[in-house]
Amino acid sequence: MSRRNGIPVALLAGTLALSGCGHSPQTHLLTLDLVPPVSPPADYSAPPVRVTAVRIPAALDRLEFVQAVAPGELQIRDQYRWSASIGELAREALMRDLSARLPNGSVLPLDTPAVKGSRHADVAILALTAAPEQTTMDAIVTVAVDGSDRIVRRHVTLTQKHATNALPERIASDYGMLLGKVADEIVFIVQLMQAGKM
């Protein structure tokens, strides 16, 4: 083993490698929480509802936290990750939000097979933009009757105010709040369908 100033070269290299190692920044895992309704469960007694899909733009549907900050501009926040695919998290959150807004038994578990007459909800999120003071969701909400050609489709633009320069945790909370508003929209649609107005 060769030596430099009395120190074995192999030992010197190992020491340099260790001194170059620092602590990695802490990774924060994000999820989407239930958003409680502002009023008691809706008056609804029609066939149950199931959430078939929540579609997220491909550029945002990844484990890294990606934030749309302006048209055509995305920002990746390296220290933040979703705990699972944001599309699946959104689908689960929407199911929980609907369950809190409709009577017990009115919302079917995820991946329940279609039952003739039941309603299924499909949400296509066209854009999620976090501006300095609010987060905006542009989405198409579709509710259809299984085994029928009866379908209602609505284009909605929803906003959630937040503090200036909100951190990803706040924006993730905004996403959850916006999904709660999507759930309110679905409840409104299924009630109108039950009343024969749609």
C-alpha atoms as a PDB file:
ATOM      1  CA  MET A   1       0.000   0.000   0.000  1.00  0.00           C
ATOM      2  CA  SER A   2       1.485   3.359  -0.972  1.00  0.00           C
ATOM      3  CA  ARG A   3       1.686   6.182   1.536  1.00  0.00           C
ATOM      4  CA  ARG A   4       1.429   9.960   1.379  1.00  0.00           C
ATOM      5  CA  ASN A   5       2.885  11.873   4.349  1.00  0.00           C
ATOM      6  CA  GLY A   6       2.604   8.704   6.410  1.00  0.00           C
ATOM      7  CA  ILE A   7      -1.134   8.192   5.703  1.00  0.00           C
ATOM      8  CA  PRO A   8      -2.216   5.158   3.646  1.00  0.00           C
ATOM      9  CA  VAL A   9      -3.727   6.400   0.333  1.00  0.00           C
ATOM     10  CA  ALA A  10      -6.750   4.078   0.644  1.00  0.00           C
ATOM     11  CA  LEU A  11      -7.558   5.533   4.085  1.00  0.00           C
ATOM     12  CA  LEU A  12      -7.158   9.091   2.797  1.00  0.00           C
ATOM     13  CA  ALA A  13      -9.597   8.444  -0.057  1.00  0.00           C
ATOM     14  CA  GLY A  14     -12.143   6.976   2.352  1.00  0.00           C
ATOM     15  CA  THR A  15     -11.896  10.016   4.584  1.00  0.00           C
ATOM     16  CA  LEU A  16     -12.477  12.373   1.656  1.00  0.00           C
ATOM     17  CA  ALA A  17     -15.517  10.368   0.542  1.00  0.00           C
ATOM     18  CA  LEU A  18     -17.043  10.595   4.014  1.00  0.00           C
ATOM     19  CA  SER A  19     -16.384  14.300   4.342  1.00  0.00           C
ATOM     20  CA  GLY A  20     -18.212  14.857   1.049  1.00  0.00           C
ATOM     21  CA  CYS A  21     -21.368  13.188   2.338  1.00  0.00           C
ATOM     22  CA  GLY A  22     -23.902  15.574   3.781  1.00  0.00           C
ATOM     23  CA  HIS A  23     -27.436  15.164   4.974  1.00  0.00           C
ATOM     24  CA  SER A  24     -30.036  14.989   2.203  1.00  0.00           C
ATOM     25  CA  PRO A  25     -32.942  17.427   2.549  1.00  0.00           C
ATOM     26  CA  GLN A  26     -35.934  15.831   4.236  1.00  0.00           C
ATOM     27  CA  THR A  27     -38.579  14.500   1.844  1.00  0.00           C
ATOM     28  CA  HIS A  28     -42.147  15.521   2.636  1.00  0.00           C
ATOM     29  CA  LEU A  29     -44.927  13.099   1.644  1.00  0.00           C
ATOM     30  CA  LEU A  30     -48.220  14.653   0.614  1.00  0.00           C
ATOM     31  CA  THR A  31     -51.717  13.213   0.429  1.00  0.00           C
ATOM     32  CA  LEU A  32     -55.294  14.436  -0.057  1.00  0.00           C
ATOM     33  CA  ASP A  33     -57.556  14.574   2.990  1.00  0.00           C
ATOM     34  CA  LEU A  34     -61.311  14.319   3.418  1.00  0.00           C
ATOM     35  CA  VAL A  35     -63.067  17.683   3.154  1.00  0.00           C
ATOM     36  CA  PRO A  36     -66.105  17.678   5.491  1.00  0.00           C
ATOM     37  CA  PRO A  37     -69.374  18.994   4.053  1.00  0.00           C
ATOM     38  CA  VAL A  38     -70.727  22.327   5.232  1.00  0.00           C
ATOM     39  CA  SER A  39     -74.205  20.853   5.732  1.00  0.00           C
ATOM     40  CA  PRO A  40     -75.695  17.465   6.777  1.00  0.00           C
ATOM     41  CA  PRO A  41     -75.838  14.630   4.213  1.00  0.00           C
ATOM     42  CA  ALA A  42     -78.010  15.449   1.230  1.00  0.00           C
ATOM     43  CA  ASP A  43     -81.541  14.117   0.795  1.00  0.00           C
ATOM     44  CA  TYR A  44     -80.856  11.312  -1.658  1.00  0.00           C
ATOM     45  CA  SER A  45     -82.506   7.914  -2.047  1.00  0.00           C
ATOM     46  CA  ALA A  46     -81.770   7.027  -5.679  1.00  0.00           C
ATOM     47  CA  PRO A  47     -79.395   4.223  -6.762  1.00  0.00           C
ATOM     48  CA  PRO A  48     -75.852   4.416  -5.380  1.00  0.00           C
ATOM     49  CA  VAL A  49     -72.991   6.406  -6.836  1.00  0.00           C
ATOM     50  CA  ARG A  50     -69.501   5.156  -7.661  1.00  0.00           C
ATOM     51  CA  VAL A  51     -66.386   7.077  -8.672  1.00  0.00           C
ATOM     52  CA  THR A  52     -64.940   5.468 -11.776  1.00  0.00           C
ATOM     53  CA  ALA A  53     -62.018   7.813 -12.451  1.00  0.00           C
ATOM     54  CA  VAL A  54     -60.331  11.094 -11.684  1.00  0.00           C
ATOM     55  CA  ARG A  55     -58.063  11.947 -14.595  1.00  0.00           C
ATOM     56  CA  ILE A  56     -55.117  14.259 -13.983  1.00  0.00           C
ATOM     57  CA  PRO A  57     -53.066  15.972 -16.726  1.00  0.00           C
ATOM     58  CA  ALA A  58     -50.113  13.724 -17.588  1.00  0.00           C
ATOM     59  CA  ALA A  59     -47.587  16.450 -16.745  1.00  0.00           C
ATOM     60  CA  LEU A  60     -48.892  16.569 -13.143  1.00  0.00           C
ATOM     61  CA  ASP A  61     -49.701  12.884 -12.575  1.00  0.00           C
ATOM     62  CA  ARG A  62     -46.363  11.837 -11.124  1.00  0.00           C
ATOM     63  CA  LEU A  63     -44.931  11.138  -7.683  1.00  0.00           C
ATOM     64  CA  GLU A  64     -42.902  14.360  -7.624  1.00  0.00           C
ATOM     65  CA  PHE A  65     -44.853  17.447  -6.654  1.00  0.00           C
ATOM     66  CA  VAL A  66     -45.260  19.397  -9.889  1.00  0.00           C
ATOM     67  CA  GLN A  67     -46.894  22.783  -9.748  1.00  0.00           C
ATOM     68  CA  ALA A  68     -48.372  24.613 -12.734  1.00  0.00           C
ATOM     69  CA  VAL A  69     -47.409  28.219 -12.020  1.00  0.00           C
ATOM     70  CA  ALA A  70     -48.383  29.811 -15.336  1.00  0.00           C
ATOM     71  CA  PRO A  71     -49.631  28.732 -18.762  1.00  0.00           C
ATOM     72  CA  GLY A  72     -46.931  26.494 -20.235  1.00  0.00           C
ATOM     73  CA  GLU A  73     -44.755  26.659 -17.091  1.00  0.00           C
ATOM     74  CA  LEU A  74     -44.305  23.872 -14.519  1.00  0.00           C
ATOM     75  CA  GLN A  75     -42.224  23.843 -11.361  1.00  0.00           C
ATOM     76  CA  ILE A  76     -40.945  20.677  -9.653  1.00  0.00           C
ATOM     77  CA  ARG A  77     -40.518  20.870  -5.877  1.00  0.00           C
ATOM     78  CA  ASP A  78     -37.804  18.235  -5.308  1.00  0.00           C
ATOM     79  CA  GLN A  79     -38.321  17.806  -1.554  1.00  0.00           C
ATOM     80  CA  TYR A  80     -42.022  16.987  -1.911  1.00  0.00           C
ATOM     81  CA  ARG A  81     -43.566  13.727  -3.119  1.00  0.00           C
ATOM     82  CA  TRP A  82     -47.103  12.379  -3.316  1.00  0.00           C
ATOM     83  CA  SER A  83     -47.633   9.273  -1.194  1.00  0.00           C
ATOM     84  CA  ALA A  84     -49.134   7.544  -4.270  1.00  0.00           C
ATOM     85  CA  SER A  85     -50.245   8.442  -7.771  1.00  0.00           C
ATOM     86  CA  ILE A  86     -52.112  11.749  -7.486  1.00  0.00           C
ATOM     87  CA  GLY A  87     -54.842  10.377  -9.772  1.00  0.00           C
ATOM     88  CA  GLU A  88     -55.495   7.493  -7.357  1.00  0.00           C
ATOM     89  CA  LEU A  89     -55.244   9.781  -4.316  1.00  0.00           C
ATOM     90  CA  ALA A  90     -57.780  12.117  -5.925  1.00  0.00           C
ATOM     91  CA  ARG A  91     -60.150   9.243  -6.712  1.00  0.00           C
ATOM     92  CA  GLU A  92     -60.002   7.968  -3.115  1.00  0.00           C
ATOM     93  CA  ALA A  93     -60.451  11.486  -1.711  1.00  0.00           C
ATOM     94  CA  LEU A  94     -63.453  12.130  -3.950  1.00  0.00           C
ATOM     95  CA  MET A  95     -65.066   8.862  -2.821  1.00  0.00           C
ATOM     96  CA  ARG A  96     -64.584   9.866   0.841  1.00  0.00           C
ATOM     97  CA  ASP A  97     -65.946  13.358   0.159  1.00  0.00           C
ATOM     98  CA  LEU A  98     -69.055  11.913  -1.519  1.00  0.00           C
ATOM     99  CA  SER A  99     -69.545   9.442   1.336  1.00  0.00           C
ATOM    100  CA  ALA A 100     -69.592  12.383   3.765  1.00  0.00           C
ATOM    101  CA  ARG A 101     -72.184  14.227   1.658  1.00  0.00           C
ATOM    102  CA  LEU A 102     -74.642  11.443   0.828  1.00  0.00           C
ATOM    103  CA  PRO A 103     -76.560   9.072   3.141  1.00  0.00           C
ATOM    104  CA  ASN A 104     -74.886   5.852   4.303  1.00  0.00           C
ATOM    105  CA  GLY A 105     -74.738   3.236   1.564  1.00  0.00           C
ATOM    106  CA  SER A 106     -75.168   5.760  -1.228  1.00  0.00           C
ATOM    107  CA  VAL A 107     -71.523   5.593  -2.352  1.00  0.00           C
ATOM    108  CA  LEU A 108     -70.041   2.335  -3.583  1.00  0.00           C
ATOM    109  CA  PRO A 109     -66.432   1.303  -2.863  1.00  0.00           C
ATOM    110  CA  LEU A 110     -63.852   1.916  -5.550  1.00  0.00           C
ATOM    111  CA  ASP A 111     -63.700  -0.657  -8.358  1.00  0.00           C
ATOM    112  CA  THR A 112     -67.198  -1.965  -7.600  1.00  0.00           C
ATOM    113  CA  PRO A 113     -68.633  -3.515 -10.777  1.00  0.00           C
ATOM    114  CA  ALA A 114     -71.339  -1.568 -12.569  1.00  0.00           C
ATOM    115  CA  VAL A 115     -74.890  -2.266 -11.423  1.00  0.00           C
ATOM    116  CA  LYS A 116     -77.745  -1.379 -13.735  1.00  0.00           C
ATOM    117  CA  GLY A 117     -79.280   1.930 -12.677  1.00  0.00           C
ATOM    118  CA  SER A 118     -76.405   3.034 -10.440  1.00  0.00           C
ATOM    119  CA  ARG A 119     -74.731   6.359 -11.132  1.00  0.00           C
ATOM    120  CA  HIS A 120     -71.072   6.631 -11.938  1.00  0.00           C
ATOM    121  CA  ALA A 121     -68.996   9.789 -11.720  1.00  0.00           C
ATOM    122  CA  ASP A 122     -65.987  10.503 -13.880  1.00  0.00           C
ATOM    123  CA  VAL A 123     -63.884  13.631 -13.426  1.00  0.00           C
ATOM    124  CA  ALA A 124     -61.414  14.874 -16.013  1.00  0.00           C
ATOM    125  CA  ILE A 125     -59.207  17.596 -14.549  1.00  0.00           C
ATOM    126  CA  LEU A 126     -58.082  19.757 -17.432  1.00  0.00           C
ATOM    127  CA  ALA A 127     -55.817  22.084 -15.441  1.00  0.00           C
ATOM    128  CA  LEU A 128     -54.605  22.691 -11.883  1.00  0.00           C
ATOM    129  CA  THR A 129     -52.884  26.048 -11.523  1.00  0.00           C
ATOM    130  CA  ALA A 130     -51.380  27.500  -8.354  1.00  0.00           C
ATOM    131  CA  ALA A 131     -51.207  31.271  -8.749  1.00  0.00           C
ATOM    132  CA  PRO A 132     -49.778  33.526  -6.001  1.00  0.00           C
ATOM    133  CA  GLU A 133     -53.091  33.900  -4.148  1.00  0.00           C
ATOM    134  CA  GLN A 134     -55.307  31.021  -5.264  1.00  0.00           C
ATOM    135  CA  THR A 135     -55.358  27.544  -6.762  1.00  0.00           C
ATOM    136  CA  THR A 136     -57.669  26.939  -9.712  1.00  0.00           C
ATOM    137  CA  MET A 137     -59.097  23.673 -11.010  1.00  0.00           C
ATOM    138  CA  ASP A 138     -60.637  23.439 -14.453  1.00  0.00           C
ATOM    139  CA  ALA A 139     -62.567  20.176 -14.825  1.00  0.00           C
ATOM    140  CA  ILE A 140     -65.267  18.287 -16.658  1.00  0.00           C
ATOM    141  CA  VAL A 141     -67.600  16.385 -14.328  1.00  0.00           C
ATOM    142  CA  THR A 142     -69.599  13.562 -15.886  1.00  0.00           C
ATOM    143  CA  VAL A 143     -72.350  11.575 -14.165  1.00  0.00           C
ATOM    144  CA  ALA A 144     -73.964   8.716 -16.079  1.00  0.00           C
ATOM    145  CA  VAL A 145     -76.506   5.997 -15.335  1.00  0.00           C
ATOM    146  CA  ASP A 146     -75.099   2.489 -15.749  1.00  0.00           C
ATOM    147  CA  GLY A 147     -76.900   0.488 -18.415  1.00  0.00           C
ATOM    148  CA  SER A 148     -78.464   3.622 -19.889  1.00  0.00           C
ATOM    149  CA  ASP A 149     -77.586   6.435 -22.261  1.00  0.00           C
ATOM    150  CA  ARG A 150     -78.597   8.973 -19.630  1.00  0.00           C
ATOM    151  CA  ILE A 151     -75.645  11.249 -18.974  1.00  0.00           C
ATOM    152  CA  VAL A 152     -74.967  14.710 -17.529  1.00  0.00           C
ATOM    153  CA  ARG A 153     -71.719  16.542 -18.253  1.00  0.00           C
ATOM    154  CA  ARG A 154     -70.712  19.887 -16.754  1.00  0.00           C
ATOM    155  CA  HIS A 155     -67.608  22.012 -17.229  1.00  0.00           C
ATOM    156  CA  VAL A 156     -66.616  23.707 -13.953  1.00  0.00           C
ATOM    157  CA  THR A 157     -63.904  26.137 -12.919  1.00  0.00           C
ATOM    158  CA  LEU A 158     -63.272  26.114  -9.171  1.00  0.00           C
ATOM    159  CA  THR A 159     -60.953  28.262  -7.061  1.00  0.00           C
ATOM    160  CA  GLN A 160     -59.475  28.074  -3.577  1.00  0.00           C
ATOM    161  CA  LYS A 161     -57.869  31.133  -1.970  1.00  0.00           C
ATOM    162  CA  HIS A 162     -54.591  30.774  -0.074  1.00  0.00           C
ATOM    163  CA  ALA A 163     -51.804  32.860   1.388  1.00  0.00           C
ATOM    164  CA  THR A 164     -49.288  34.414  -0.977  1.00  0.00           C
ATOM    165  CA  ASN A 165     -46.438  32.083  -2.000  1.00  0.00           C
ATOM    166  CA  ALA A 166     -48.091  29.029  -0.449  1.00  0.00           C
ATOM    167  CA  LEU A 167     -45.924  25.978   0.200  1.00  0.00           C
ATOM    168  CA  PRO A 168     -46.723  22.603  -1.427  1.00  0.00           C
ATOM    169  CA  GLU A 169     -48.502  21.475   1.770  1.00  0.00           C
ATOM    170  CA  ARG A 170     -50.922  24.375   1.390  1.00  0.00           C
ATOM    171  CA  ILE A 171     -51.406  23.732  -2.314  1.00  0.00           C
ATOM    172  CA  ALA A 172     -52.050  20.018  -1.645  1.00  0.00           C
ATOM    173  CA  SER A 173     -54.666  21.134   0.878  1.00  0.00           C
ATOM    174  CA  ASP A 174     -56.136  23.382  -1.834  1.00  0.00           C
ATOM    175  CA  TYR A 175     -56.360  20.388  -4.177  1.00  0.00           C
ATOM    176  CA  GLY A 176     -58.290  18.536  -1.482  1.00  0.00           C
ATOM    177  CA  MET A 177     -60.634  21.491  -0.939  1.00  0.00           C
ATOM    178  CA  LEU A 178     -61.271  21.720  -4.682  1.00  0.00           C
ATOM    179  CA  LEU A 179     -62.115  18.005  -4.810  1.00  0.00           C
ATOM    180  CA  GLY A 180     -64.606  18.664  -2.016  1.00  0.00           C
ATOM    181  CA  LYS A 181     -66.225  21.246  -4.309  1.00  0.00           C
ATOM    182  CA  VAL A 182     -66.257  18.664  -7.116  1.00  0.00           C
ATOM    183  CA  ALA A 183     -68.073  16.307  -4.718  1.00  0.00           C
ATOM    184  CA  ASP A 184     -70.624  19.071  -4.056  1.00  0.00           C
ATOM    185  CA  GLU A 185     -71.129  19.379  -7.811  1.00  0.00           C
ATOM    186  CA  ILE A 186     -71.691  15.623  -8.174  1.00  0.00           C
ATOM    187  CA  VAL A 187     -74.206  15.642  -5.314  1.00  0.00           C
ATOM    188  CA  PHE A 188     -76.047  18.511  -7.007  1.00  0.00           C
ATOM    189  CA  ILE A 189     -76.189  16.551 -10.283  1.00  0.00           C
ATOM    190  CA  VAL A 190     -77.396  13.262  -8.767  1.00  0.00           C
ATOM    191  CA  GLN A 191     -80.096  15.093  -6.808  1.00  0.00           C
ATOM    192  CA  LEU A 192     -81.349  16.731 -10.000  1.00  0.00           C
ATOM    193  CA  MET A 193     -81.255  13.357 -11.757  1.00  0.00           C
ATOM    194  CA  GLN A 194     -83.268  11.846  -8.892  1.00  0.00           C
ATOM    195  CA  ALA A 195     -85.853  14.625  -9.286  1.00  0.00           C
ATOM    196  CA  GLY A 196     -86.029  13.999 -13.043  1.00  0.00           C
ATOM    197  CA  LYS A 197     -84.669  17.463 -13.849  1.00  0.00           C
ATOM    198  CA  MET A 198     -81.623  16.168 -15.724  1.00  0.00           C
END
